[in-house]
Amino acid sequence: MPSDVSLHVTRVPLNGSSREELLRMAERVEAAAALLGHAKPNVIAFHCTAVSPFSDVLEGEILRQAAASARCPAIATSQAILTGAAALHVRRIALVTPYIEEINQREAAFFGQHGLECVAEHGLGLLTPAEVFDVSPARWLDLLRSWVPDEAEAVLLGCTAIRVLQLVDAAEALLGRPVLTSNQATGWLLRRQLGIHAPLLGFGRLLSPV
C-alpha cells in the first residue's frame, strides 16, 4: 500500500483444515468485521482462500456480513483471484497450495464454475497455519518447477499464510507465465477499490502489467 494508506488487521480463529473448522471461521465474520469497523475503513477484505471459495452462497453471505458490520464495501480473496485472472486474460491455471485434497478440489470446482479452469492441482496436505508458514519460499519455487504443466496459462499459489509474495517475480521468470498469489491478488483488488492504479514493481504482472 502507498504510505498514505493505513492497513488494519484482525483475525478469526482457525487452526485446522476440516470442513467444520473452516465453516466455524465463517461464522465469526460479523464480530471481526465490527472490530475493524471502529477504524472506519473505506473497504474491508475477508482474507482466506480456503473459506471464501467454499461456495457462492457462503461467499455472498461473508461479503454481506462483512460489509454490514464494518459499514463499508467488502471483498473476498476468491473475488480477488477471479478478478485478477480476468485482468490478466487467464482462463486456465495450475493450482499449487499447502492444502489437503478436499480443499483443493473444492477450490478448483469453485473457480471452474466462474470460468477459471484448473488444469492441474497439487497440495502439500498440511493441516495447521503453523505448518503452512514453515514451508520455505525456496520449496514453493521447487514445486512450481515440478508441478506446472505447459497447458496452464498461469499459476495460482493459493493460501494467505504461505510465504510466496517475495518470490512472484522469480516464479514468473522461471515459468514465463503470470503467477497469482492470494495475498498479491487481494492487495491488488484492495488498491483498485481505493482508486490506486499506479504500477507496483516486485509483485508480478498483476501489479505491474507488461
N, C-alpha and C. Protein backbone atom coordinates (compact mmCIF):
# COMPACT_ATOMS: atom_id res chain seq x y z
N MET A 1 0.83 -1.19 0.00
CA MET A 1 0.00 0.00 0.00
C MET A 1 0.88 1.26 0.00
N PRO A 2 0.41 2.31 -0.62
CA PRO A 2 1.14 3.59 -0.54
C PRO A 2 1.22 4.07 0.90
N SER A 3 2.12 5.03 1.16
CA SER A 3 2.37 5.48 2.52
C SER A 3 1.18 6.18 3.15
N ASP A 4 0.26 6.67 2.34
CA ASP A 4 -0.90 7.37 2.91
C ASP A 4 -2.11 6.45 3.11
N VAL A 5 -1.89 5.15 2.97
CA VAL A 5 -2.97 4.18 3.21
C VAL A 5 -2.63 3.38 4.46
N SER A 6 -3.54 3.33 5.41
CA SER A 6 -3.32 2.51 6.61
C SER A 6 -4.05 1.18 6.45
N LEU A 7 -3.43 0.14 6.97
CA LEU A 7 -3.98 -1.21 6.86
C LEU A 7 -4.24 -1.73 8.27
N HIS A 8 -5.48 -2.10 8.54
CA HIS A 8 -5.89 -2.56 9.86
C HIS A 8 -6.30 -4.03 9.76
N VAL A 9 -5.83 -4.84 10.70
CA VAL A 9 -5.99 -6.29 10.59
C VAL A 9 -6.50 -6.88 11.89
N THR A 10 -7.42 -7.85 11.77
CA THR A 10 -7.74 -8.74 12.88
C THR A 10 -7.88 -10.13 12.29
N ARG A 11 -8.02 -11.14 13.14
CA ARG A 11 -8.16 -12.49 12.62
C ARG A 11 -9.29 -13.20 13.35
N VAL A 12 -9.77 -14.25 12.72
CA VAL A 12 -10.74 -15.13 13.36
C VAL A 12 -10.06 -16.48 13.58
N PRO A 13 -10.42 -17.20 14.62
CA PRO A 13 -9.70 -18.43 14.95
C PRO A 13 -9.80 -19.49 13.86
N LEU A 14 -8.67 -20.08 13.53
CA LEU A 14 -8.60 -21.22 12.62
C LEU A 14 -7.29 -21.93 12.88
N ASN A 15 -7.37 -23.22 13.23
CA ASN A 15 -6.14 -23.97 13.47
C ASN A 15 -6.24 -25.38 12.90
N GLY A 16 -6.99 -25.52 11.82
CA GLY A 16 -7.14 -26.83 11.20
C GLY A 16 -7.70 -26.69 9.80
N SER A 17 -7.99 -27.82 9.16
CA SER A 17 -8.41 -27.80 7.76
C SER A 17 -9.70 -28.55 7.50
N SER A 18 -10.36 -29.01 8.55
CA SER A 18 -11.59 -29.76 8.33
C SER A 18 -12.72 -28.84 7.87
N ARG A 19 -13.71 -29.42 7.25
CA ARG A 19 -14.88 -28.67 6.80
C ARG A 19 -15.51 -27.91 7.96
N GLU A 20 -15.61 -28.57 9.11
CA GLU A 20 -16.25 -27.96 10.27
C GLU A 20 -15.46 -26.75 10.77
N GLU A 21 -14.14 -26.89 10.81
CA GLU A 21 -13.31 -25.78 11.28
C GLU A 21 -13.39 -24.58 10.34
N LEU A 22 -13.39 -24.85 9.04
CA LEU A 22 -13.47 -23.76 8.07
C LEU A 22 -14.81 -23.04 8.17
N LEU A 23 -15.89 -23.79 8.32
CA LEU A 23 -17.21 -23.16 8.41
C LEU A 23 -17.36 -22.38 9.71
N ARG A 24 -16.73 -22.84 10.79
CA ARG A 24 -16.77 -22.07 12.04
C ARG A 24 -16.07 -20.73 11.87
N MET A 25 -15.03 -20.71 11.05
CA MET A 25 -14.35 -19.45 10.78
C MET A 25 -15.31 -18.45 10.15
N ALA A 26 -16.09 -18.91 9.20
CA ALA A 26 -17.04 -18.03 8.53
C ALA A 26 -18.09 -17.49 9.49
N GLU A 27 -18.42 -18.25 10.51
CA GLU A 27 -19.43 -17.83 11.48
C GLU A 27 -18.98 -16.62 12.31
N ARG A 28 -17.69 -16.34 12.31
CA ARG A 28 -17.15 -15.27 13.16
C ARG A 28 -16.87 -13.99 12.38
N VAL A 29 -17.33 -13.93 11.15
CA VAL A 29 -17.04 -12.78 10.30
C VAL A 29 -17.64 -11.50 10.88
N GLU A 30 -18.87 -11.55 11.34
CA GLU A 30 -19.54 -10.33 11.81
C GLU A 30 -18.78 -9.66 12.94
N ALA A 31 -18.35 -10.44 13.92
CA ALA A 31 -17.65 -9.87 15.07
C ALA A 31 -16.31 -9.28 14.66
N ALA A 32 -15.58 -9.98 13.81
CA ALA A 32 -14.27 -9.49 13.37
C ALA A 32 -14.43 -8.22 12.54
N ALA A 33 -15.41 -8.21 11.64
CA ALA A 33 -15.61 -7.03 10.80
C ALA A 33 -16.07 -5.83 11.63
N ALA A 34 -16.85 -6.08 12.65
CA ALA A 34 -17.28 -4.98 13.53
C ALA A 34 -16.09 -4.34 14.23
N LEU A 35 -15.11 -5.14 14.64
CA LEU A 35 -13.90 -4.58 15.26
C LEU A 35 -13.17 -3.67 14.29
N LEU A 36 -13.00 -4.12 13.06
CA LEU A 36 -12.32 -3.29 12.06
C LEU A 36 -13.15 -2.06 11.71
N GLY A 37 -14.45 -2.18 11.82
CA GLY A 37 -15.32 -1.05 11.54
C GLY A 37 -15.08 0.14 12.44
N HIS A 38 -14.51 -0.10 13.63
CA HIS A 38 -14.21 1.01 14.54
C HIS A 38 -13.20 1.97 13.93
N ALA A 39 -12.36 1.49 13.01
CA ALA A 39 -11.37 2.34 12.36
C ALA A 39 -11.95 3.09 11.16
N LYS A 40 -13.23 2.85 10.85
CA LYS A 40 -13.92 3.49 9.73
C LYS A 40 -13.17 3.29 8.40
N PRO A 41 -12.98 2.03 8.01
CA PRO A 41 -12.24 1.76 6.76
C PRO A 41 -13.05 2.12 5.53
N ASN A 42 -12.36 2.31 4.43
CA ASN A 42 -13.01 2.55 3.14
C ASN A 42 -13.41 1.25 2.46
N VAL A 43 -12.72 0.16 2.79
CA VAL A 43 -13.02 -1.15 2.22
C VAL A 43 -12.48 -2.20 3.18
N ILE A 44 -13.13 -3.36 3.21
CA ILE A 44 -12.71 -4.45 4.08
C ILE A 44 -12.56 -5.72 3.24
N ALA A 45 -11.60 -6.56 3.61
CA ALA A 45 -11.38 -7.82 2.89
C ALA A 45 -11.50 -9.00 3.83
N PHE A 46 -12.28 -10.01 3.43
CA PHE A 46 -12.25 -11.31 4.10
C PHE A 46 -11.16 -12.10 3.40
N HIS A 47 -10.11 -12.44 4.16
CA HIS A 47 -8.87 -12.89 3.53
C HIS A 47 -8.54 -14.32 3.93
N CYS A 48 -9.19 -15.27 3.25
CA CYS A 48 -8.91 -16.70 3.47
C CYS A 48 -9.27 -17.45 2.21
N THR A 49 -8.29 -18.07 1.59
CA THR A 49 -8.54 -18.75 0.31
C THR A 49 -9.27 -20.07 0.49
N ALA A 50 -9.17 -20.68 1.64
CA ALA A 50 -9.84 -21.96 1.85
C ALA A 50 -11.33 -21.79 2.14
N VAL A 51 -11.72 -20.62 2.66
CA VAL A 51 -13.11 -20.42 3.07
C VAL A 51 -13.91 -19.64 2.03
N SER A 52 -13.34 -18.56 1.49
CA SER A 52 -14.15 -17.71 0.60
C SER A 52 -14.60 -18.42 -0.68
N PRO A 53 -13.85 -19.42 -1.23
CA PRO A 53 -14.39 -20.15 -2.39
C PRO A 53 -15.18 -21.40 -2.00
N PHE A 54 -15.61 -21.49 -0.75
CA PHE A 54 -16.34 -22.69 -0.31
C PHE A 54 -17.58 -22.92 -1.16
N SER A 55 -18.31 -21.84 -1.42
CA SER A 55 -19.48 -21.88 -2.30
C SER A 55 -19.90 -20.46 -2.60
N ASP A 56 -20.67 -20.28 -3.67
CA ASP A 56 -21.18 -18.95 -4.00
C ASP A 56 -22.05 -18.41 -2.86
N VAL A 57 -22.83 -19.30 -2.27
CA VAL A 57 -23.73 -18.87 -1.19
C VAL A 57 -22.93 -18.38 0.01
N LEU A 58 -21.92 -19.14 0.41
CA LEU A 58 -21.12 -18.73 1.57
C LEU A 58 -20.33 -17.47 1.27
N GLU A 59 -19.74 -17.38 0.08
CA GLU A 59 -19.01 -16.16 -0.29
C GLU A 59 -19.93 -14.94 -0.21
N GLY A 60 -21.14 -15.06 -0.73
CA GLY A 60 -22.08 -13.95 -0.71
C GLY A 60 -22.47 -13.55 0.70
N GLU A 61 -22.65 -14.54 1.56
CA GLU A 61 -23.03 -14.26 2.95
C GLU A 61 -21.87 -13.60 3.70
N ILE A 62 -20.65 -14.07 3.46
CA ILE A 62 -19.47 -13.46 4.09
C ILE A 62 -19.35 -12.00 3.68
N LEU A 63 -19.51 -11.72 2.40
CA LEU A 63 -19.40 -10.34 1.92
C LEU A 63 -20.50 -9.46 2.50
N ARG A 64 -21.71 -10.00 2.58
CA ARG A 64 -22.82 -9.22 3.12
C ARG A 64 -22.57 -8.89 4.59
N GLN A 65 -22.17 -9.90 5.37
CA GLN A 65 -21.94 -9.68 6.79
C GLN A 65 -20.77 -8.73 7.04
N ALA A 66 -19.70 -8.91 6.30
CA ALA A 66 -18.53 -8.05 6.49
C ALA A 66 -18.86 -6.60 6.17
N ALA A 67 -19.54 -6.39 5.06
CA ALA A 67 -19.89 -5.03 4.65
C ALA A 67 -20.83 -4.37 5.68
N ALA A 68 -21.82 -5.13 6.14
CA ALA A 68 -22.78 -4.57 7.09
C ALA A 68 -22.12 -4.26 8.43
N SER A 69 -21.23 -5.14 8.90
CA SER A 69 -20.61 -4.95 10.21
C SER A 69 -19.55 -3.85 10.19
N ALA A 70 -18.80 -3.74 9.10
CA ALA A 70 -17.74 -2.72 9.01
C ALA A 70 -18.27 -1.41 8.43
N ARG A 71 -19.47 -1.45 7.85
CA ARG A 71 -20.11 -0.27 7.25
C ARG A 71 -19.28 0.30 6.09
N CYS A 72 -18.84 -0.62 5.21
CA CYS A 72 -18.10 -0.22 4.03
C CYS A 72 -18.15 -1.36 3.03
N PRO A 73 -17.76 -1.14 1.78
CA PRO A 73 -17.73 -2.23 0.80
C PRO A 73 -16.79 -3.35 1.25
N ALA A 74 -17.10 -4.58 0.85
CA ALA A 74 -16.29 -5.75 1.23
C ALA A 74 -15.87 -6.53 -0.01
N ILE A 75 -14.68 -7.10 0.06
CA ILE A 75 -14.21 -8.02 -0.97
C ILE A 75 -13.77 -9.31 -0.28
N ALA A 76 -13.56 -10.36 -1.08
CA ALA A 76 -13.06 -11.63 -0.57
C ALA A 76 -11.90 -12.09 -1.45
N THR A 77 -11.05 -12.93 -0.89
CA THR A 77 -9.90 -13.43 -1.63
C THR A 77 -10.33 -14.16 -2.90
N SER A 78 -11.41 -14.91 -2.83
CA SER A 78 -11.91 -15.62 -4.01
C SER A 78 -12.24 -14.64 -5.14
N GLN A 79 -12.88 -13.56 -4.79
CA GLN A 79 -13.20 -12.49 -5.75
C GLN A 79 -11.94 -11.91 -6.37
N ALA A 80 -10.94 -11.65 -5.52
CA ALA A 80 -9.69 -11.04 -5.98
C ALA A 80 -8.98 -11.94 -6.98
N ILE A 81 -8.96 -13.24 -6.72
CA ILE A 81 -8.29 -14.18 -7.62
C ILE A 81 -8.99 -14.22 -8.97
N LEU A 82 -10.31 -14.30 -8.96
CA LEU A 82 -11.06 -14.34 -10.22
C LEU A 82 -10.92 -13.04 -11.00
N THR A 83 -10.99 -11.92 -10.30
CA THR A 83 -10.87 -10.62 -10.97
C THR A 83 -9.45 -10.42 -11.50
N GLY A 84 -8.46 -10.86 -10.73
CA GLY A 84 -7.08 -10.74 -11.17
C GLY A 84 -6.79 -11.61 -12.38
N ALA A 85 -7.31 -12.83 -12.39
CA ALA A 85 -7.12 -13.71 -13.55
C ALA A 85 -7.77 -13.11 -14.79
N ALA A 86 -8.95 -12.53 -14.62
CA ALA A 86 -9.62 -11.90 -15.76
C ALA A 86 -8.81 -10.72 -16.29
N ALA A 87 -8.21 -9.93 -15.38
CA ALA A 87 -7.41 -8.78 -15.80
C ALA A 87 -6.18 -9.22 -16.59
N LEU A 88 -5.69 -10.43 -16.28
CA LEU A 88 -4.53 -10.97 -16.99
C LEU A 88 -4.93 -11.79 -18.22
N HIS A 89 -6.25 -11.88 -18.47
CA HIS A 89 -6.79 -12.65 -19.60
C HIS A 89 -6.41 -14.14 -19.49
N VAL A 90 -6.47 -14.64 -18.28
CA VAL A 90 -6.11 -16.03 -18.00
C VAL A 90 -7.38 -16.85 -17.79
N ARG A 91 -7.44 -18.02 -18.44
CA ARG A 91 -8.61 -18.90 -18.28
C ARG A 91 -8.25 -20.28 -17.76
N ARG A 92 -6.95 -20.63 -17.78
CA ARG A 92 -6.53 -21.96 -17.32
C ARG A 92 -5.35 -21.79 -16.36
N ILE A 93 -5.50 -22.34 -15.17
CA ILE A 93 -4.46 -22.19 -14.15
C ILE A 93 -4.01 -23.55 -13.62
N ALA A 94 -2.81 -23.56 -13.07
CA ALA A 94 -2.34 -24.65 -12.22
C ALA A 94 -2.45 -24.16 -10.78
N LEU A 95 -3.05 -24.96 -9.94
CA LEU A 95 -3.29 -24.59 -8.54
C LEU A 95 -2.27 -25.32 -7.67
N VAL A 96 -1.46 -24.57 -6.95
CA VAL A 96 -0.45 -25.13 -6.04
C VAL A 96 -0.71 -24.55 -4.66
N THR A 97 -0.92 -25.42 -3.67
CA THR A 97 -1.32 -24.97 -2.33
C THR A 97 -0.68 -25.83 -1.25
N PRO A 98 -0.81 -25.41 0.01
CA PRO A 98 -0.40 -26.27 1.12
C PRO A 98 -1.53 -27.19 1.58
N TYR A 99 -2.66 -27.17 0.93
CA TYR A 99 -3.89 -27.76 1.45
C TYR A 99 -3.99 -29.27 1.29
N ILE A 100 -4.99 -29.81 1.99
CA ILE A 100 -5.39 -31.19 1.78
C ILE A 100 -6.22 -31.28 0.49
N GLU A 101 -6.37 -32.49 -0.03
CA GLU A 101 -7.03 -32.68 -1.33
C GLU A 101 -8.46 -32.16 -1.35
N GLU A 102 -9.18 -32.33 -0.26
CA GLU A 102 -10.58 -31.88 -0.21
C GLU A 102 -10.70 -30.38 -0.49
N ILE A 103 -9.81 -29.59 0.09
CA ILE A 103 -9.85 -28.14 -0.12
C ILE A 103 -9.46 -27.79 -1.55
N ASN A 104 -8.42 -28.43 -2.08
CA ASN A 104 -8.01 -28.17 -3.45
C ASN A 104 -9.14 -28.46 -4.43
N GLN A 105 -9.80 -29.59 -4.25
CA GLN A 105 -10.88 -29.96 -5.16
C GLN A 105 -12.04 -28.97 -5.07
N ARG A 106 -12.34 -28.52 -3.87
CA ARG A 106 -13.43 -27.55 -3.70
C ARG A 106 -13.08 -26.23 -4.36
N GLU A 107 -11.84 -25.79 -4.21
CA GLU A 107 -11.42 -24.54 -4.85
C GLU A 107 -11.45 -24.66 -6.37
N ALA A 108 -10.93 -25.78 -6.88
CA ALA A 108 -10.90 -25.98 -8.34
C ALA A 108 -12.31 -25.95 -8.90
N ALA A 109 -13.25 -26.56 -8.19
CA ALA A 109 -14.64 -26.57 -8.65
C ALA A 109 -15.24 -25.16 -8.62
N PHE A 110 -14.96 -24.42 -7.56
CA PHE A 110 -15.49 -23.05 -7.45
C PHE A 110 -14.96 -22.18 -8.58
N PHE A 111 -13.66 -22.19 -8.79
CA PHE A 111 -13.09 -21.36 -9.85
C PHE A 111 -13.60 -21.80 -11.22
N GLY A 112 -13.74 -23.11 -11.41
CA GLY A 112 -14.26 -23.61 -12.69
C GLY A 112 -15.66 -23.12 -12.98
N GLN A 113 -16.48 -23.03 -11.95
CA GLN A 113 -17.84 -22.52 -12.13
C GLN A 113 -17.85 -21.06 -12.56
N HIS A 114 -16.75 -20.36 -12.33
CA HIS A 114 -16.66 -18.95 -12.68
C HIS A 114 -15.74 -18.73 -13.88
N GLY A 115 -15.49 -19.78 -14.65
CA GLY A 115 -14.76 -19.64 -15.91
C GLY A 115 -13.26 -19.72 -15.82
N LEU A 116 -12.73 -20.09 -14.65
CA LEU A 116 -11.29 -20.22 -14.48
C LEU A 116 -10.97 -21.71 -14.28
N GLU A 117 -10.55 -22.36 -15.34
CA GLU A 117 -10.35 -23.80 -15.32
C GLU A 117 -9.03 -24.16 -14.63
N CYS A 118 -9.10 -25.12 -13.72
CA CYS A 118 -7.91 -25.62 -13.05
C CYS A 118 -7.44 -26.87 -13.79
N VAL A 119 -6.35 -26.75 -14.56
CA VAL A 119 -5.88 -27.87 -15.39
C VAL A 119 -4.97 -28.82 -14.61
N ALA A 120 -4.50 -28.40 -13.46
CA ALA A 120 -3.68 -29.26 -12.59
C ALA A 120 -3.72 -28.69 -11.19
N GLU A 121 -3.62 -29.55 -10.19
CA GLU A 121 -3.57 -29.07 -8.82
C GLU A 121 -2.65 -29.96 -8.00
N HIS A 122 -1.99 -29.31 -7.04
CA HIS A 122 -1.10 -30.05 -6.15
C HIS A 122 -1.12 -29.39 -4.79
N GLY A 123 -1.32 -30.19 -3.75
CA GLY A 123 -1.33 -29.68 -2.39
C GLY A 123 -0.35 -30.45 -1.52
N LEU A 124 0.13 -29.82 -0.47
CA LEU A 124 1.09 -30.46 0.43
C LEU A 124 0.44 -31.26 1.54
N GLY A 125 -0.88 -31.16 1.67
CA GLY A 125 -1.58 -31.93 2.69
C GLY A 125 -1.36 -31.45 4.11
N LEU A 126 -1.04 -30.17 4.28
CA LEU A 126 -0.78 -29.62 5.61
C LEU A 126 -2.09 -29.23 6.28
N LEU A 127 -2.09 -29.23 7.61
CA LEU A 127 -3.34 -29.06 8.34
C LEU A 127 -3.45 -27.76 9.12
N THR A 128 -2.35 -27.23 9.62
CA THR A 128 -2.42 -26.07 10.52
C THR A 128 -1.69 -24.87 9.93
N PRO A 129 -2.06 -23.65 10.36
CA PRO A 129 -1.35 -22.46 9.90
C PRO A 129 0.14 -22.50 10.19
N ALA A 130 0.54 -23.04 11.34
CA ALA A 130 1.96 -23.09 11.68
C ALA A 130 2.72 -23.97 10.70
N GLU A 131 2.15 -25.11 10.32
CA GLU A 131 2.79 -25.99 9.33
C GLU A 131 2.91 -25.29 7.98
N VAL A 132 1.87 -24.57 7.62
CA VAL A 132 1.85 -23.88 6.34
C VAL A 132 2.94 -22.81 6.29
N PHE A 133 3.05 -22.03 7.36
CA PHE A 133 4.01 -20.94 7.40
C PHE A 133 5.45 -21.44 7.39
N ASP A 134 5.66 -22.66 7.87
CA ASP A 134 7.01 -23.21 7.94
C ASP A 134 7.60 -23.57 6.58
N VAL A 135 6.77 -23.67 5.55
CA VAL A 135 7.27 -24.03 4.22
C VAL A 135 8.08 -22.85 3.66
N SER A 136 9.30 -23.10 3.25
CA SER A 136 10.18 -22.02 2.81
C SER A 136 9.81 -21.54 1.41
N PRO A 137 10.11 -20.28 1.08
CA PRO A 137 9.89 -19.81 -0.29
C PRO A 137 10.61 -20.67 -1.32
N ALA A 138 11.80 -21.14 -1.00
CA ALA A 138 12.56 -21.97 -1.94
C ALA A 138 11.81 -23.25 -2.28
N ARG A 139 11.12 -23.82 -1.32
CA ARG A 139 10.37 -25.05 -1.60
C ARG A 139 9.21 -24.78 -2.55
N TRP A 140 8.57 -23.62 -2.41
CA TRP A 140 7.49 -23.28 -3.33
C TRP A 140 8.02 -23.16 -4.76
N LEU A 141 9.17 -22.57 -4.93
CA LEU A 141 9.76 -22.48 -6.26
C LEU A 141 10.05 -23.87 -6.82
N ASP A 142 10.55 -24.77 -5.98
CA ASP A 142 10.81 -26.14 -6.43
C ASP A 142 9.53 -26.83 -6.86
N LEU A 143 8.45 -26.59 -6.13
CA LEU A 143 7.16 -27.18 -6.51
C LEU A 143 6.69 -26.66 -7.86
N LEU A 144 6.89 -25.37 -8.11
CA LEU A 144 6.47 -24.82 -9.40
C LEU A 144 7.27 -25.45 -10.54
N ARG A 145 8.54 -25.71 -10.31
CA ARG A 145 9.35 -26.36 -11.35
C ARG A 145 8.80 -27.75 -11.70
N SER A 146 8.23 -28.42 -10.70
CA SER A 146 7.83 -29.81 -10.88
C SER A 146 6.38 -30.01 -11.28
N TRP A 147 5.49 -29.08 -10.90
CA TRP A 147 4.07 -29.36 -10.95
C TRP A 147 3.26 -28.49 -11.92
N VAL A 148 3.89 -27.61 -12.65
CA VAL A 148 3.12 -26.72 -13.53
C VAL A 148 3.20 -27.22 -14.97
N PRO A 149 2.08 -27.67 -15.53
CA PRO A 149 2.09 -28.20 -16.89
C PRO A 149 2.07 -27.09 -17.93
N ASP A 150 2.43 -27.44 -19.15
CA ASP A 150 2.50 -26.46 -20.23
C ASP A 150 1.16 -25.82 -20.54
N GLU A 151 0.06 -26.58 -20.34
CA GLU A 151 -1.25 -26.05 -20.73
C GLU A 151 -1.79 -24.99 -19.77
N ALA A 152 -1.16 -24.84 -18.61
CA ALA A 152 -1.58 -23.79 -17.67
C ALA A 152 -1.11 -22.44 -18.17
N GLU A 153 -2.03 -21.50 -18.30
CA GLU A 153 -1.68 -20.15 -18.73
C GLU A 153 -1.08 -19.32 -17.59
N ALA A 154 -1.35 -19.74 -16.36
CA ALA A 154 -0.85 -19.03 -15.19
C ALA A 154 -0.86 -20.00 -14.01
N VAL A 155 -0.28 -19.56 -12.92
CA VAL A 155 -0.25 -20.36 -11.70
C VAL A 155 -0.92 -19.59 -10.58
N LEU A 156 -1.67 -20.30 -9.75
CA LEU A 156 -2.20 -19.73 -8.52
C LEU A 156 -1.53 -20.42 -7.35
N LEU A 157 -0.73 -19.68 -6.60
CA LEU A 157 -0.21 -20.14 -5.32
C LEU A 157 -1.24 -19.74 -4.27
N GLY A 158 -2.10 -20.67 -3.92
CA GLY A 158 -3.26 -20.35 -3.11
C GLY A 158 -3.04 -20.60 -1.63
N CYS A 159 -3.36 -19.61 -0.81
CA CYS A 159 -3.35 -19.65 0.65
C CYS A 159 -2.77 -18.33 1.13
N THR A 160 -3.41 -17.73 2.11
CA THR A 160 -2.94 -16.43 2.60
C THR A 160 -1.81 -16.55 3.60
N ALA A 161 -1.50 -17.77 4.05
CA ALA A 161 -0.47 -17.94 5.09
C ALA A 161 0.87 -18.41 4.54
N ILE A 162 0.99 -18.59 3.22
CA ILE A 162 2.25 -19.06 2.67
C ILE A 162 3.18 -17.89 2.35
N ARG A 163 4.49 -18.15 2.44
CA ARG A 163 5.49 -17.10 2.23
C ARG A 163 5.94 -17.11 0.76
N VAL A 164 5.15 -16.49 -0.08
CA VAL A 164 5.45 -16.51 -1.52
C VAL A 164 5.41 -15.13 -2.16
N LEU A 165 4.98 -14.11 -1.45
CA LEU A 165 4.85 -12.80 -2.06
C LEU A 165 6.18 -12.30 -2.61
N GLN A 166 7.26 -12.62 -1.89
CA GLN A 166 8.57 -12.13 -2.28
C GLN A 166 9.17 -12.87 -3.48
N LEU A 167 8.54 -13.97 -3.90
CA LEU A 167 9.13 -14.75 -5.00
C LEU A 167 8.30 -14.70 -6.28
N VAL A 168 7.29 -13.84 -6.34
CA VAL A 168 6.43 -13.81 -7.52
C VAL A 168 7.21 -13.48 -8.78
N ASP A 169 8.04 -12.46 -8.73
CA ASP A 169 8.83 -12.10 -9.92
C ASP A 169 9.73 -13.25 -10.36
N ALA A 170 10.39 -13.90 -9.40
CA ALA A 170 11.27 -15.02 -9.73
C ALA A 170 10.49 -16.19 -10.31
N ALA A 171 9.31 -16.44 -9.77
CA ALA A 171 8.47 -17.52 -10.27
C ALA A 171 7.99 -17.24 -11.70
N GLU A 172 7.62 -15.99 -11.97
CA GLU A 172 7.20 -15.64 -13.32
C GLU A 172 8.35 -15.77 -14.31
N ALA A 173 9.55 -15.40 -13.89
CA ALA A 173 10.72 -15.54 -14.75
C ALA A 173 11.02 -17.02 -15.01
N LEU A 174 10.85 -17.85 -14.00
CA LEU A 174 11.08 -19.28 -14.12
C LEU A 174 10.10 -19.94 -15.09
N LEU A 175 8.83 -19.55 -14.98
CA LEU A 175 7.76 -20.22 -15.73
C LEU A 175 7.42 -19.53 -17.05
N GLY A 176 7.76 -18.25 -17.16
CA GLY A 176 7.37 -17.50 -18.35
C GLY A 176 5.88 -17.25 -18.43
N ARG A 177 5.22 -17.25 -17.27
CA ARG A 177 3.76 -17.06 -17.20
C ARG A 177 3.41 -16.25 -15.96
N PRO A 178 2.22 -15.65 -15.94
CA PRO A 178 1.82 -14.92 -14.74
C PRO A 178 1.67 -15.84 -13.53
N VAL A 179 1.97 -15.32 -12.37
CA VAL A 179 1.77 -16.04 -11.12
C VAL A 179 0.88 -15.19 -10.22
N LEU A 180 -0.20 -15.78 -9.78
CA LEU A 180 -1.11 -15.15 -8.83
C LEU A 180 -0.89 -15.76 -7.45
N THR A 181 -0.96 -14.94 -6.42
CA THR A 181 -0.99 -15.45 -5.06
C THR A 181 -2.18 -14.83 -4.35
N SER A 182 -2.60 -15.47 -3.28
CA SER A 182 -3.77 -14.97 -2.55
C SER A 182 -3.53 -13.56 -2.02
N ASN A 183 -2.35 -13.32 -1.44
CA ASN A 183 -2.08 -12.01 -0.85
C ASN A 183 -1.89 -10.94 -1.92
N GLN A 184 -1.16 -11.28 -2.97
CA GLN A 184 -0.93 -10.33 -4.07
C GLN A 184 -2.26 -9.92 -4.72
N ALA A 185 -3.11 -10.90 -5.02
CA ALA A 185 -4.38 -10.60 -5.68
C ALA A 185 -5.30 -9.78 -4.79
N THR A 186 -5.33 -10.10 -3.50
CA THR A 186 -6.18 -9.34 -2.58
C THR A 186 -5.67 -7.91 -2.43
N GLY A 187 -4.35 -7.76 -2.31
CA GLY A 187 -3.79 -6.41 -2.24
C GLY A 187 -4.09 -5.61 -3.50
N TRP A 188 -3.99 -6.27 -4.66
CA TRP A 188 -4.29 -5.61 -5.94
C TRP A 188 -5.73 -5.13 -5.98
N LEU A 189 -6.68 -6.00 -5.57
CA LEU A 189 -8.09 -5.60 -5.63
C LEU A 189 -8.40 -4.52 -4.60
N LEU A 190 -7.78 -4.58 -3.43
CA LEU A 190 -7.97 -3.51 -2.44
C LEU A 190 -7.49 -2.18 -3.02
N ARG A 191 -6.35 -2.19 -3.67
CA ARG A 191 -5.83 -0.96 -4.29
C ARG A 191 -6.82 -0.42 -5.32
N ARG A 192 -7.36 -1.30 -6.13
CA ARG A 192 -8.34 -0.86 -7.13
C ARG A 192 -9.58 -0.27 -6.46
N GLN A 193 -10.03 -0.89 -5.39
CA GLN A 193 -11.19 -0.38 -4.66
C GLN A 193 -10.93 1.01 -4.10
N LEU A 194 -9.68 1.30 -3.78
CA LEU A 194 -9.30 2.61 -3.25
C LEU A 194 -8.93 3.60 -4.35
N GLY A 195 -9.04 3.18 -5.60
CA GLY A 195 -8.72 4.06 -6.72
C GLY A 195 -7.24 4.19 -6.98
N ILE A 196 -6.44 3.21 -6.52
CA ILE A 196 -4.99 3.24 -6.72
C ILE A 196 -4.65 2.33 -7.90
N HIS A 197 -4.19 2.91 -8.99
CA HIS A 197 -3.92 2.12 -10.20
C HIS A 197 -2.47 2.21 -10.64
N ALA A 198 -1.63 2.90 -9.88
CA ALA A 198 -0.22 3.04 -10.26
C ALA A 198 0.47 1.68 -10.20
N PRO A 199 1.31 1.35 -11.18
CA PRO A 199 2.03 0.08 -11.16
C PRO A 199 2.92 -0.04 -9.91
N LEU A 200 3.10 -1.27 -9.46
CA LEU A 200 3.94 -1.54 -8.30
C LEU A 200 4.89 -2.66 -8.67
N LEU A 201 6.18 -2.39 -8.68
CA LEU A 201 7.18 -3.38 -9.10
C LEU A 201 7.46 -4.38 -7.98
N GLY A 202 7.82 -5.59 -8.40
CA GLY A 202 8.27 -6.60 -7.45
C GLY A 202 7.26 -7.65 -7.09
N PHE A 203 6.03 -7.54 -7.59
CA PHE A 203 4.98 -8.46 -7.18
C PHE A 203 4.25 -9.09 -8.37
N GLY A 204 4.93 -9.18 -9.50
CA GLY A 204 4.37 -9.87 -10.65
C GLY A 204 3.59 -8.97 -11.60
N ARG A 205 3.15 -9.60 -12.68
CA ARG A 205 2.49 -8.86 -13.77
C ARG A 205 1.17 -8.24 -13.35
N LEU A 206 0.50 -8.83 -12.36
CA LEU A 206 -0.80 -8.30 -11.97
C LEU A 206 -0.67 -6.86 -11.47
N LEU A 207 0.34 -6.59 -10.67
CA LEU A 207 0.53 -5.26 -10.10
C LEU A 207 1.41 -4.37 -10.98
N SER A 208 2.11 -4.98 -11.93
CA SER A 208 2.96 -4.19 -12.82
C SER A 208 2.80 -4.73 -14.24
N PRO A 209 1.66 -4.46 -14.90
CA PRO A 209 1.39 -5.04 -16.20
C PRO A 209 2.50 -4.73 -17.20
N VAL A 210 2.85 -5.74 -18.00
CA VAL A 210 3.87 -5.55 -19.03
C VAL A 210 3.31 -4.74 -20.17
